[in-house]
Amino acid sequence: MAQNTEKPKTYIDIAAIYEGDTIAVVQLNPVYIFAPIKFKNNKERQEYSKLIRDVKVAYPYARLISASIIETYENMQTLPDEKAKQRYLDDVQKYMMAEYKPKMKKMTKNQGKILVKLIDRECNTPSYNIVKALVGSFKAGVYNAFAGLFGNSLKTEYDPNGKDAAIEAIVIQIQQGTIDANYARNYHGFR
């Protein structure tokens, strides 16, 4: 018989020893549990299903935009002078317009409104301030006025404990992986 020359697989983790027993110590993410929602009628149920759909469409873009903005600011800190920073910002603006503009055009009005709120959630600043930093205050004002034509505002702020509580609950469930696309449609009845 051939001898097994493989070394046994070992895992190194943090552990605590308590009264002779070794107990693994791991960092767990918090788990949020939400009460079942009672809908008054079928229309309310459908609106909630649409909200889930719209948040699921907008949230990944908000995360991507947030990561791009963080990366942009970190890279700008390494640039030597204002001319290099401005050149870099112009390149970032061209990239972001080329990358995200076609995708944003395919969004519904409601998805666009949710995206503006989720960008504020992810970046802790309204979308208007981000656009203003990238393209200047005049163009930011033009973009905000254009958004206003469609019933949106880049200055909209996210209120997770108030009017945007349902969006916050959906985002948390997306992060946990516990949201079901058919949640409102299939599992909850009327009062």
Foldseek 3Di string as FASTA:
>chain_A
DDDDPDDDDDDDADWDADPNDTGGDDDDDDDDDDDADAAADPVRLVVLLVLLVLLVLQQVVLVVVLVLLVVLVVVLVPDDDPVVNLVSLVVSVVVCCVPCVVVVVPHDLVSVQVNQASNCVSNVAFQLVVVCVRPNNVVSVVVQVVNVVSVHGSRDYHDCVPPCVSSVVSVSCVVVVNDDSCRSVPDHYHD
